[in-house]
Amino acid sequence: GAGGSVSIRAATITGNGFVKANGGSASGRGSGGGGRIAVIATPGSIPATLTMQAFGGSTSVKGAAGTVYMESASTGAGKGELRINNNGIVTLIGTDTRVSSRVTDATVGRMVVTNAARLRLDAGRTLTTAGTNGTILAIRSGCTVTNNGTLSLSGTNFVNVGTFTNTSGSLVSYTGRADDAPVTILPATYGSLSVANAGTTFNLPGTQVTVNSNLTVSAGTFVQNTGNLRTRRIAVSAGATWRNESSGDIILGAGGVTNGGTVLLDASGGGAGDPDAIEIRSDSPSSQRPWIGNGSFTVRDAAVTNQAGTAPISVYSGTDLGGNGANWTFLPYPVGVTGKYWIASSTANFTSDACWSLSPGGPPNTTAPSGPNNVAVFDGNGSGNCMINASINLAGIHIKSGYAGKVMQNPGQSITMTWSFIQAGGVFAGANSLLDMNGGFSLTGGAFTNTSGTNAVSGNVTISGGATYAHHDGTILLDGAANQQIMSGGATFFNLTVTNTGAAQSDRIVISDNTDVDGSLTIADGALALSAFNPNVAC
């Protein structure tokens, strides 16, 4: 027969010996499963010399392991360790330790599945860990955990050297810790997967993770690294972030991407200009995958094929591999464009040739950036402030996150960019003359002060990531010839003027979040379109 049940509750436990609830062994018949042991010592402790066993029977058709639950003052109430140990007894497939509808309390601190044990969570059931320290889930070699329901995992550390199976319709939710320590997700194939803890970074491992149904980033930051991500659908909630600044590919199913927060896909990080190490593709070569939502989309150095949807997305320095919808725009930087790097260690003029190099931190071996084939790049290798002391015309300005200085437009000097402006750090201080961006305006870090004159933008306006924007009583002029998007990120504009000359249905200015205009809102040409997420435009 089965091992029965043992429950011990005491203020403290001392001594040594055994507590056993082993299943019986029967020759020629099915052996009994292990029983249940619960030892709770509060406010005391459980001695290591106390041995607890709930093994399955070991003859003929072998029995499944039982459960041992150990809770003490050190674990906290309801946060004890659940140990499932079958003493090396290998059972037939389907002979498992089940969490079924008969289990009324399925919250523990952490779980260890060891010595040939097999754990199965039935459909419709939830098994929750509430512990925060140590290894929260350990699946040892030769052991199996099969999830048909919902497995909610707290903490940061998980080990799987056995078999972790998540069936269709199941969910694994990672919830992290209150101190926002980073979490690394187990490499596995999931039914559905969610991460939910504001302030916490959830890292994918370096191997491929497959999600057969929905991947939901409810709160916190979901970081993809070198491993590929294959999923039917990704949903990013408001305030949450999905980030890939590495090289993992993205393979999407029919659900595509729904973004109400922030999506940053930048191969190798550091902004545009790196090889296209990220590939975004459909899991069916003949089918487009939709990207929708009012969140912030930043895509750089990616090769993209068969993606579509309604969210306007600009791909900087990427490759259009074909099959993409009209909402995807590819901006050619740095193909045919030379990055020139600011290397001054103290304040100097933009036009000083001695302050520029053809490589990051390299020698002064070139002239100041000028013309449609040059991008001025500011990174951590040049700490000096830059005074734009003359009117300049160039491909773009790229201020990277490592730059700690200021780029300052002198009064009366205009800046014209045939491509775009990207700022992820440092400070840009506009003066009173024209800023003309014949592409996008991306502000994801640092501080930007607009010109008090006009800042003309032909592409998308994206402000996110805690960057600071000061309007300086200036005007943002949206003068593109195709749909444009505003993601203000909480920034306030002074004047906002629309003169978009695109054809009907291609002249929309999509407002993707709440946008404040302190001065005047003028629509001279084009159409203002609020997204489906109902943002407000306050004037």
Protein backbone atom coordinates (compact mmCIF):
# COMPACT_ATOMS: atom_id res chain seq x y z
CA GLY A 1 0.00 0.00 0.00
CA ALA A 2 0.85 3.68 -0.03
CA GLY A 3 3.05 5.22 2.59
CA GLY A 4 0.39 7.12 4.53
CA SER A 5 0.83 10.51 6.17
CA VAL A 6 3.00 11.90 8.96
CA SER A 7 2.52 15.44 10.32
CA ILE A 8 4.80 16.84 13.02
CA ARG A 9 4.34 20.35 14.40
CA ALA A 10 6.51 21.53 17.27
CA ALA A 11 8.18 24.61 18.66
CA THR A 12 11.53 22.92 18.18
CA ILE A 13 12.81 19.48 17.17
CA THR A 14 16.01 17.85 18.40
CA GLY A 15 17.72 14.48 18.13
CA ASN A 16 18.24 12.13 15.23
CA GLY A 17 16.66 9.11 13.60
CA PHE A 18 14.11 8.48 10.84
CA VAL A 19 10.65 9.63 9.86
CA LYS A 20 9.36 7.25 7.18
CA ALA A 21 6.28 7.09 4.94
CA ASN A 22 7.60 4.71 2.30
CA GLY A 23 5.31 2.82 -0.04
CA GLY A 24 5.03 -0.90 0.29
CA SER A 25 6.64 -3.33 -2.14
CA ALA A 26 4.64 -6.20 -3.62
CA SER A 27 5.93 -9.03 -5.76
CA GLY A 28 4.04 -9.39 -9.03
CA ARG A 29 1.76 -6.45 -8.29
CA GLY A 30 2.03 -2.67 -8.26
CA SER A 31 4.07 -1.26 -5.42
CA GLY A 32 2.69 1.52 -3.25
CA GLY A 33 3.51 5.16 -3.72
CA GLY A 34 5.36 7.14 -1.12
CA GLY A 35 3.31 8.95 1.48
CA ARG A 36 3.33 12.49 2.80
CA ILE A 37 5.53 13.92 5.52
CA ALA A 38 5.21 17.44 6.87
CA VAL A 39 7.58 18.61 9.60
CA ILE A 40 7.03 22.16 10.83
CA ALA A 41 9.22 23.55 13.60
CA THR A 42 8.49 27.16 14.52
CA PRO A 43 10.07 29.13 15.99
CA GLY A 44 12.74 26.43 16.15
CA SER A 45 14.68 24.41 13.58
CA ILE A 46 14.85 20.93 12.07
CA PRO A 47 18.11 19.09 12.79
CA ALA A 48 20.12 17.82 9.84
CA THR A 49 20.42 14.50 11.68
CA LEU A 50 16.72 13.81 11.19
CA THR A 51 16.23 11.67 8.06
CA MET A 52 12.87 11.74 6.27
CA GLN A 53 11.80 9.24 3.64
CA ALA A 54 8.73 8.98 1.44
CA PHE A 55 9.99 6.61 -1.24
CA GLY A 56 7.83 4.59 -3.58
CA GLY A 57 7.79 0.79 -3.37
CA SER A 58 10.71 -0.83 -5.20
CA THR A 59 9.52 -4.19 -6.55
CA SER A 60 7.50 -5.19 -9.63
CA VAL A 61 5.67 -2.09 -10.93
CA LYS A 62 7.48 0.52 -8.88
CA GLY A 63 5.71 3.23 -6.92
CA ALA A 64 6.03 6.99 -7.29
CA ALA A 65 7.77 9.14 -4.71
CA GLY A 66 5.82 10.79 -1.94
CA THR A 67 6.43 14.29 -0.60
CA VAL A 68 8.46 15.68 2.28
CA TYR A 69 7.77 19.24 3.44
CA MET A 70 10.15 20.90 5.92
CA GLU A 71 9.41 24.32 7.40
CA SER A 72 11.29 26.12 10.16
CA ALA A 73 12.00 29.60 11.45
CA SER A 74 14.77 30.02 8.87
CA THR A 75 12.42 29.39 5.94
CA GLY A 76 9.46 31.40 7.21
CA ALA A 77 5.82 30.41 7.45
CA GLY A 78 4.54 28.80 4.27
CA LYS A 79 8.02 28.90 2.71
CA GLY A 80 9.40 25.51 3.58
CA GLU A 81 11.22 23.13 1.26
CA LEU A 82 9.23 20.52 -0.69
CA ARG A 83 11.43 17.52 -1.41
CA ILE A 84 10.38 14.75 -3.80
CA ASN A 85 12.90 11.91 -3.58
CA ASN A 86 12.40 8.41 -4.94
CA ASN A 87 15.69 6.91 -3.75
CA GLY A 88 16.77 6.06 -7.31
CA ILE A 89 13.63 4.00 -7.97
CA VAL A 90 12.78 4.50 -11.66
CA THR A 91 9.05 4.34 -12.36
CA LEU A 92 7.15 3.88 -15.59
CA ILE A 93 6.16 6.96 -17.56
CA GLY A 94 2.89 8.18 -16.07
CA THR A 95 3.71 6.91 -12.59
CA ASP A 96 4.24 10.34 -11.09
CA THR A 97 3.88 12.34 -7.92
CA ARG A 98 0.79 14.40 -8.81
CA VAL A 99 -0.38 17.83 -7.79
CA SER A 100 -4.06 17.24 -8.50
CA SER A 101 -7.37 18.79 -7.54
CA ARG A 102 -7.13 16.95 -4.23
CA VAL A 103 -4.16 19.10 -3.18
CA THR A 104 -5.56 22.05 -1.25
CA ASP A 105 -2.35 23.90 -0.34
CA ALA A 106 0.10 24.18 -3.23
CA THR A 107 2.40 26.99 -2.02
CA VAL A 108 5.91 26.16 -0.81
CA GLY A 109 9.18 28.00 -0.43
CA ARG A 110 11.23 25.93 -2.83
CA MET A 111 11.24 22.48 -4.47
CA VAL A 112 13.81 19.76 -5.00
CA VAL A 113 13.05 16.82 -7.31
CA THR A 114 15.76 14.22 -6.90
CA ASN A 115 16.78 10.56 -7.13
CA ALA A 116 14.60 9.47 -10.10
CA ALA A 117 11.46 11.28 -8.85
CA ARG A 118 8.77 12.37 -11.31
CA LEU A 119 6.51 15.35 -10.50
CA ARG A 120 3.37 16.15 -12.48
CA LEU A 121 1.20 19.27 -12.11
CA ASP A 122 -2.30 18.59 -13.40
CA ALA A 123 -4.18 20.92 -15.75
CA GLY A 124 -6.07 23.65 -13.92
CA ARG A 125 -3.81 23.43 -10.86
CA THR A 126 -1.31 26.04 -9.65
CA LEU A 127 1.93 25.28 -7.81
CA THR A 128 3.55 28.38 -6.32
CA THR A 129 6.92 28.99 -4.76
CA ALA A 130 7.17 31.86 -2.29
CA GLY A 131 10.82 31.55 -1.27
CA THR A 132 13.44 34.09 -2.28
CA ASN A 133 16.84 32.70 -1.31
CA GLY A 134 18.83 29.75 -2.59
CA THR A 135 17.79 27.43 -5.39
CA ILE A 136 14.01 27.71 -5.75
CA LEU A 137 13.53 24.83 -8.18
CA ALA A 138 16.04 22.01 -8.58
CA ILE A 139 15.38 19.19 -11.05
CA ARG A 140 18.18 16.68 -10.59
CA SER A 141 19.62 14.31 -13.18
CA GLY A 142 17.25 11.49 -14.12
CA CYS A 143 14.23 13.36 -12.73
CA THR A 144 11.21 14.82 -14.50
CA VAL A 145 8.84 17.71 -13.88
CA THR A 146 5.79 17.83 -16.16
CA ASN A 147 3.70 21.00 -16.00
CA ASN A 148 0.12 20.82 -17.29
CA GLY A 149 -1.12 23.73 -15.15
CA THR A 150 0.45 26.91 -13.79
CA LEU A 151 3.87 26.96 -12.17
CA SER A 152 4.63 30.27 -10.42
CA LEU A 153 8.32 30.62 -9.56
CA SER A 154 9.67 33.24 -7.18
CA GLY A 155 13.34 33.89 -6.49
CA THR A 156 16.29 34.04 -8.86
CA ASN A 157 18.04 30.65 -8.96
CA PHE A 158 16.79 27.54 -10.77
CA VAL A 159 18.60 24.34 -11.77
CA ASN A 160 17.52 21.76 -14.31
CA VAL A 161 19.75 18.84 -15.21
CA GLY A 162 16.79 16.50 -15.67
CA THR A 163 13.68 16.90 -17.84
CA PHE A 164 11.38 19.92 -17.60
CA THR A 165 8.28 19.56 -19.78
CA ASN A 166 5.57 22.19 -20.22
CA THR A 167 2.57 20.98 -22.18
CA SER A 168 0.16 22.92 -24.35
CA GLY A 169 -2.06 25.10 -22.18
CA SER A 170 0.43 25.30 -19.32
CA LEU A 171 1.99 28.49 -17.93
CA VAL A 172 5.25 29.23 -16.13
CA SER A 173 5.35 32.62 -14.43
CA TYR A 174 8.60 34.06 -13.07
CA THR A 175 7.96 36.61 -10.31
CA GLY A 176 11.45 37.39 -8.99
CA ARG A 177 12.21 38.92 -5.61
CA ALA A 178 11.23 42.11 -3.80
CA ASP A 179 14.81 43.45 -4.03
CA ASP A 180 14.68 43.21 -7.86
CA ALA A 181 17.70 40.90 -8.11
CA PRO A 182 18.11 39.68 -11.71
CA VAL A 183 16.50 36.41 -12.76
CA THR A 184 17.76 33.93 -15.37
CA ILE A 185 14.95 31.94 -16.94
CA LEU A 186 15.36 28.18 -17.34
CA PRO A 187 16.13 27.01 -20.89
CA ALA A 188 13.06 25.03 -21.90
CA THR A 189 10.10 24.78 -24.21
CA TYR A 190 7.12 26.49 -22.59
CA GLY A 191 3.39 26.43 -23.19
CA SER A 192 2.99 30.04 -22.10
CA LEU A 193 5.60 32.11 -20.28
CA SER A 194 5.23 35.30 -18.26
CA VAL A 195 7.54 37.58 -16.28
CA ALA A 196 6.07 39.97 -13.74
CA ASN A 197 8.03 42.12 -11.33
CA ALA A 198 8.52 45.84 -11.89
CA GLY A 199 12.18 46.77 -11.56
CA THR A 200 13.42 43.21 -12.14
CA THR A 201 15.50 42.11 -15.13
CA PHE A 202 14.54 38.67 -16.45
CA ASN A 203 17.30 37.20 -18.62
CA LEU A 204 16.90 34.52 -21.23
CA PRO A 205 19.71 31.94 -21.23
CA GLY A 206 22.21 31.67 -24.05
CA THR A 207 20.30 28.81 -25.68
CA GLN A 208 17.04 28.90 -27.60
CA VAL A 209 13.80 29.26 -25.66
CA THR A 210 10.55 28.24 -27.35
CA VAL A 211 7.13 29.46 -26.20
CA ASN A 212 4.38 27.61 -28.05
CA SER A 213 1.66 30.04 -27.04
CA ASN A 214 2.02 33.45 -25.37
CA LEU A 215 5.05 35.22 -23.93
CA THR A 216 3.84 38.05 -21.67
CA VAL A 217 6.10 40.73 -20.22
CA SER A 218 3.72 42.09 -17.59
CA ALA A 219 6.25 44.07 -15.56
CA GLY A 220 10.01 44.51 -15.42
CA THR A 221 12.54 44.07 -18.23
CA PHE A 222 12.74 40.92 -20.35
CA VAL A 223 16.26 40.61 -21.80
CA GLN A 224 17.11 38.36 -24.72
CA ASN A 225 20.78 37.47 -25.07
CA THR A 226 22.59 35.25 -27.58
CA GLY A 227 19.92 32.55 -27.56
CA ASN A 228 17.12 32.59 -30.10
CA LEU A 229 13.54 33.26 -29.05
CA ARG A 230 10.71 31.40 -30.79
CA THR A 231 7.16 32.23 -29.75
CA ARG A 232 3.65 32.43 -31.14
CA ARG A 233 3.07 35.86 -29.60
CA ILE A 234 4.85 38.45 -27.47
CA ALA A 235 2.86 40.97 -25.41
CA VAL A 236 4.62 43.81 -23.58
CA SER A 237 2.50 45.68 -21.03
CA ALA A 238 2.65 49.39 -20.25
CA GLY A 239 5.72 50.16 -18.16
CA ALA A 240 7.44 46.89 -19.13
CA THR A 241 10.38 46.39 -21.52
CA TRP A 242 11.56 43.74 -23.96
CA ARG A 243 15.23 44.28 -24.79
CA ASN A 244 17.67 42.50 -27.08
CA GLU A 245 21.09 44.16 -27.29
CA SER A 246 22.86 40.96 -28.22
CA SER A 247 22.52 38.57 -31.17
CA GLY A 248 19.59 36.25 -30.50
CA ASP A 249 17.16 35.84 -33.39
CA ILE A 250 13.39 36.29 -33.05
CA ILE A 251 11.02 33.81 -34.70
CA LEU A 252 7.38 34.86 -34.46
CA GLY A 253 4.14 32.96 -34.85
CA ALA A 254 0.69 34.17 -35.88
CA GLY A 255 0.19 36.34 -32.78
CA GLY A 256 3.13 38.61 -33.59
CA VAL A 257 3.99 41.44 -31.17
CA THR A 258 1.65 43.62 -29.12
CA ASN A 259 3.53 46.43 -27.39
CA GLY A 260 2.16 48.83 -24.81
CA GLY A 261 5.56 49.45 -23.21
CA THR A 262 9.06 49.53 -24.67
CA VAL A 263 10.68 47.30 -27.28
CA LEU A 264 14.42 47.84 -27.88
CA LEU A 265 16.10 45.53 -30.40
CA ASP A 266 19.66 46.74 -31.06
CA ALA A 267 22.16 44.11 -32.20
CA SER A 268 25.30 44.24 -30.05
CA GLY A 269 23.99 47.39 -28.30
CA GLY A 270 25.44 50.87 -28.53
CA GLY A 271 23.18 52.15 -31.29
CA ALA A 272 23.11 51.73 -35.07
CA GLY A 273 26.16 50.81 -37.06
CA ASP A 274 26.95 47.25 -35.99
CA PRO A 275 26.50 44.10 -38.13
CA ASP A 276 22.93 42.83 -38.44
CA ALA A 277 23.34 40.19 -35.74
CA ILE A 278 19.60 39.94 -35.00
CA GLU A 279 17.23 38.33 -37.49
CA ILE A 280 13.48 38.85 -37.10
CA ARG A 281 11.46 36.36 -39.12
CA SER A 282 8.19 34.48 -39.31
CA ASP A 283 7.90 30.83 -38.30
CA SER A 284 6.08 30.36 -41.61
CA PRO A 285 8.02 31.75 -44.60
CA SER A 286 4.85 32.64 -46.48
CA SER A 287 3.09 34.49 -43.63
CA GLN A 288 3.58 38.01 -42.26
CA ARG A 289 3.51 38.56 -38.50
CA PRO A 290 1.76 41.63 -37.04
CA TRP A 291 3.41 44.25 -34.81
CA ILE A 292 0.82 46.45 -33.12
CA GLY A 293 0.39 48.71 -30.11
CA ASN A 294 1.13 52.21 -28.91
CA GLY A 295 4.41 51.36 -27.19
CA SER A 296 7.89 52.55 -28.11
CA PHE A 297 9.66 50.53 -30.82
CA THR A 298 13.40 50.95 -31.42
CA VAL A 299 15.01 48.55 -33.91
CA ARG A 300 18.65 48.79 -35.00
CA ASP A 301 21.05 46.49 -36.83
CA ALA A 302 18.44 43.82 -37.56
CA ALA A 303 17.62 41.80 -40.67
CA VAL A 304 13.84 41.62 -41.00
CA THR A 305 11.54 39.50 -43.14
CA ASN A 306 7.76 38.88 -43.27
CA GLN A 307 6.78 41.34 -40.54
CA ALA A 308 3.80 43.68 -40.82
CA GLY A 309 1.11 45.22 -38.58
CA THR A 310 -0.03 48.76 -37.82
CA ALA A 311 2.68 50.12 -35.50
CA PRO A 312 5.08 52.40 -37.42
CA ILE A 313 8.58 50.95 -36.97
CA SER A 314 11.86 52.39 -38.22
CA VAL A 315 14.80 50.01 -38.59
CA TYR A 316 18.11 51.84 -38.36
CA SER A 317 21.13 50.28 -40.08
CA GLY A 318 19.16 47.12 -40.77
CA THR A 319 18.33 44.99 -43.78
CA ASP A 320 14.97 44.52 -45.47
CA LEU A 321 14.94 40.82 -46.42
CA GLY A 322 11.56 41.17 -48.08
CA GLY A 323 7.92 40.47 -47.32
CA ASN A 324 7.54 43.33 -44.84
CA GLY A 325 4.51 45.57 -44.47
CA ALA A 326 4.31 49.29 -45.17
CA ASN A 327 4.62 50.05 -41.44
CA TRP A 328 8.28 48.98 -41.53
CA THR A 329 10.76 51.62 -42.70
CA PHE A 330 14.45 50.87 -43.22
CA LEU A 331 16.93 53.71 -42.76
CA PRO A 332 20.39 53.16 -44.25
CA TYR A 333 22.99 53.90 -41.58
CA PRO A 334 25.86 53.30 -41.80
CA VAL A 335 25.78 51.60 -45.20
CA GLY A 336 27.64 54.08 -47.39
CA VAL A 337 28.09 56.34 -44.38
CA THR A 338 31.26 56.87 -42.35
CA GLY A 339 31.08 57.31 -38.63
CA LYS A 340 33.49 59.92 -37.32
CA TYR A 341 34.21 59.80 -33.59
CA TRP A 342 34.66 62.72 -31.21
CA ILE A 343 37.91 62.22 -29.26
CA ALA A 344 38.40 65.58 -27.52
CA SER A 345 39.14 65.38 -23.80
CA SER A 346 38.16 68.99 -23.11
CA THR A 347 35.74 71.52 -24.58
CA ALA A 348 36.45 72.16 -28.27
CA ASN A 349 34.77 73.32 -31.49
CA PHE A 350 32.93 70.86 -33.74
CA THR A 351 34.88 72.10 -36.76
CA SER A 352 38.27 71.26 -35.23
CA ASP A 353 39.70 68.40 -37.32
CA ALA A 354 42.02 67.41 -34.47
CA CYS A 355 38.98 66.34 -32.41
CA TRP A 356 37.84 63.58 -34.78
CA SER A 357 38.92 60.03 -35.57
CA LEU A 358 37.77 57.31 -37.93
CA SER A 359 37.65 54.84 -35.03
CA PRO A 360 36.39 55.00 -31.43
CA GLY A 361 39.16 56.48 -29.28
CA GLY A 362 41.54 56.42 -32.26
CA PRO A 363 44.09 58.99 -33.37
CA PRO A 364 43.05 62.31 -34.96
CA ASN A 365 43.17 61.11 -38.56
CA THR A 366 40.27 62.73 -40.37
CA THR A 367 38.33 65.94 -40.87
CA ALA A 368 35.25 67.09 -38.99
CA PRO A 369 32.04 65.32 -40.10
CA SER A 370 30.41 66.97 -43.07
CA GLY A 371 28.08 65.95 -45.86
CA PRO A 372 25.54 63.12 -46.30
CA ASN A 373 28.12 60.35 -45.82
CA ASN A 374 29.25 61.33 -42.31
CA VAL A 375 27.69 60.67 -38.92
CA ALA A 376 29.10 62.48 -35.88
CA VAL A 377 29.47 59.87 -33.12
CA PHE A 378 29.95 60.80 -29.47
CA ASP A 379 30.90 57.96 -27.10
CA GLY A 380 32.91 57.37 -23.94
CA ASN A 381 36.22 57.82 -25.75
CA GLY A 382 35.83 61.59 -26.03
CA SER A 383 34.75 63.25 -22.79
CA GLY A 384 35.06 66.87 -23.83
CA ASN A 385 32.11 69.14 -24.55
CA CYS A 386 31.47 69.92 -28.22
CA MET A 387 30.56 73.44 -29.38
CA ILE A 388 28.78 73.44 -32.73
CA ASN A 389 30.39 76.68 -33.81
CA ALA A 390 29.22 76.73 -37.43
CA SER A 391 26.19 75.65 -39.41
CA ILE A 392 26.66 72.01 -40.33
CA ASN A 393 25.12 69.58 -42.80
CA LEU A 394 25.77 65.88 -42.25
CA ALA A 395 24.09 62.47 -42.22
CA GLY A 396 23.32 62.41 -38.52
CA ILE A 397 24.34 62.83 -34.91
CA HIS A 398 24.68 59.79 -32.66
CA ILE A 399 25.26 60.41 -28.94
CA LYS A 400 25.89 57.06 -27.26
CA SER A 401 25.16 56.10 -23.68
CA GLY A 402 28.84 56.22 -22.70
CA TYR A 403 29.23 59.92 -23.54
CA ALA A 404 29.16 62.14 -20.45
CA GLY A 405 29.74 65.53 -22.06
CA LYS A 406 27.59 68.14 -23.77
CA VAL A 407 26.93 68.81 -27.43
CA MET A 408 25.97 72.48 -27.66
CA GLN A 409 24.51 74.31 -30.62
CA ASN A 410 25.84 77.86 -30.75
CA PRO A 411 23.30 80.66 -31.39
CA GLY A 412 22.73 81.31 -35.06
CA GLN A 413 24.16 77.96 -36.25
CA SER A 414 21.78 75.53 -37.94
CA ILE A 415 22.15 71.72 -37.95
CA THR A 416 20.84 69.75 -40.93
CA MET A 417 20.85 65.95 -40.90
CA THR A 418 20.01 63.96 -44.01
CA TRP A 419 19.43 60.90 -41.83
CA SER A 420 18.53 60.99 -38.13
CA PHE A 421 19.37 62.06 -34.61
CA ILE A 422 19.95 59.35 -31.95
CA GLN A 423 20.74 60.13 -28.32
CA ALA A 424 21.22 57.53 -25.60
CA GLY A 425 23.33 59.54 -23.15
CA GLY A 426 25.07 62.82 -22.48
CA VAL A 427 23.51 66.23 -23.04
CA PHE A 428 22.39 68.01 -26.19
CA ALA A 429 21.66 71.72 -25.79
CA GLY A 430 19.87 73.49 -28.63
CA ALA A 431 20.13 77.23 -29.13
CA ASN A 432 17.88 79.32 -31.40
CA SER A 433 18.43 78.02 -34.92
CA LEU A 434 17.06 75.22 -37.09
CA LEU A 435 17.44 71.55 -36.24
CA ASP A 436 16.47 69.66 -39.39
CA MET A 437 16.24 65.88 -39.00
CA ASN A 438 15.36 64.31 -42.34
CA GLY A 439 14.73 61.02 -40.59
CA GLY A 440 13.90 60.05 -37.02
CA PHE A 441 14.45 61.63 -33.62
CA SER A 442 15.29 58.98 -30.99
CA LEU A 443 15.93 60.02 -27.38
CA THR A 444 16.39 57.01 -25.07
CA GLY A 445 18.85 58.42 -22.53
CA GLY A 446 20.55 61.59 -21.36
CA ALA A 447 19.08 65.09 -21.59
CA PHE A 448 17.93 66.97 -24.70
CA THR A 449 17.05 70.67 -24.85
CA ASN A 450 15.28 71.65 -28.04
CA THR A 451 16.15 74.70 -30.08
CA SER A 452 13.96 77.69 -29.34
CA GLY A 453 13.42 77.79 -33.10
CA THR A 454 12.20 74.83 -35.18
CA ASN A 455 13.12 71.15 -34.91
CA ALA A 456 11.90 69.55 -38.15
CA VAL A 457 11.52 65.74 -38.08
CA SER A 458 10.61 63.63 -41.12
CA GLY A 459 10.46 60.29 -39.31
CA ASN A 460 9.29 59.06 -35.92
CA VAL A 461 9.72 60.92 -32.64
CA THR A 462 10.61 58.47 -29.85
CA ILE A 463 11.35 59.56 -26.28
CA SER A 464 11.73 56.79 -23.72
CA GLY A 465 13.97 55.12 -21.15
CA GLY A 466 13.93 57.91 -18.58
CA ALA A 467 15.49 60.46 -20.92
CA THR A 468 14.88 64.15 -20.20
CA TYR A 469 13.37 66.45 -22.83
CA ALA A 470 13.10 70.26 -22.42
CA HIS A 471 11.06 72.08 -25.05
CA HIS A 472 12.85 75.50 -24.75
CA ASP A 473 9.70 77.19 -26.14
CA GLY A 474 10.59 75.69 -29.52
CA THR A 475 8.53 74.01 -32.25
CA ILE A 476 8.48 70.37 -33.30
CA LEU A 477 7.63 70.31 -37.02
CA LEU A 478 6.53 66.93 -38.41
CA ASP A 479 7.17 67.26 -42.14
CA GLY A 480 7.45 63.69 -43.39
CA ALA A 481 5.94 62.18 -46.53
CA ALA A 482 4.72 58.95 -44.89
CA ASN A 483 3.09 57.95 -41.62
CA GLN A 484 4.92 59.18 -38.53
CA GLN A 485 4.68 58.21 -34.87
CA ILE A 486 5.03 60.23 -31.68
CA MET A 487 6.02 58.38 -28.51
CA SER A 488 6.52 61.27 -26.10
CA GLY A 489 7.45 59.20 -23.05
CA GLY A 490 5.85 61.81 -20.81
CA ALA A 491 7.71 64.75 -22.36
CA THR A 492 5.95 68.08 -22.91
CA PHE A 493 6.27 69.92 -26.24
CA PHE A 494 5.78 73.65 -26.66
CA ASN A 495 4.52 74.03 -30.24
CA LEU A 496 3.65 71.01 -32.39
CA THR A 497 3.08 71.59 -36.11
CA VAL A 498 2.11 68.94 -38.69
CA THR A 499 2.84 69.43 -42.41
CA ASN A 500 2.95 65.79 -43.51
CA THR A 501 2.66 65.53 -47.30
CA GLY A 502 2.03 61.80 -47.61
CA ALA A 503 -0.81 60.41 -49.70
CA ALA A 504 -4.17 59.74 -48.08
CA GLN A 505 -3.86 57.11 -45.33
CA SER A 506 -0.07 57.59 -45.45
CA ASP A 507 -0.05 61.06 -43.92
CA ARG A 508 -1.00 60.10 -40.37
CA ILE A 509 0.74 61.25 -37.22
CA VAL A 510 0.09 58.37 -34.82
CA ILE A 511 -0.02 59.56 -31.21
CA SER A 512 1.03 56.52 -29.17
CA ASP A 513 0.89 57.85 -25.62
CA ASN A 514 -0.37 60.86 -23.67
CA THR A 515 1.14 63.94 -25.30
CA ASP A 516 1.18 67.45 -23.82
CA VAL A 517 1.54 70.61 -25.90
CA ASP A 518 2.05 73.76 -23.84
CA GLY A 519 1.86 76.16 -26.78
CA SER A 520 0.08 75.66 -30.12
CA LEU A 521 -0.99 72.52 -31.98
CA THR A 522 -1.18 73.25 -35.73
CA ILE A 523 -2.24 70.75 -38.41
CA ALA A 524 -1.48 72.35 -41.77
CA ASP A 525 -1.32 69.12 -43.76
CA GLY A 526 -1.76 65.48 -42.77
CA ALA A 527 -3.92 63.80 -40.13
CA LEU A 528 -3.59 63.33 -36.39
CA ALA A 529 -4.44 59.75 -35.38
CA LEU A 530 -4.87 58.52 -31.83
CA SER A 531 -3.86 54.89 -31.40
CA ALA A 532 -6.23 52.17 -30.31
CA PHE A 533 -4.96 52.56 -26.76
CA ASN A 534 -6.74 55.93 -26.42
CA PRO A 535 -3.97 58.36 -25.50
CA ASN A 536 -4.72 62.01 -24.77
CA VAL A 537 -3.42 65.10 -26.51
CA ALA A 538 -3.52 68.02 -24.06
CA CYS A 539 -3.01 71.56 -25.27
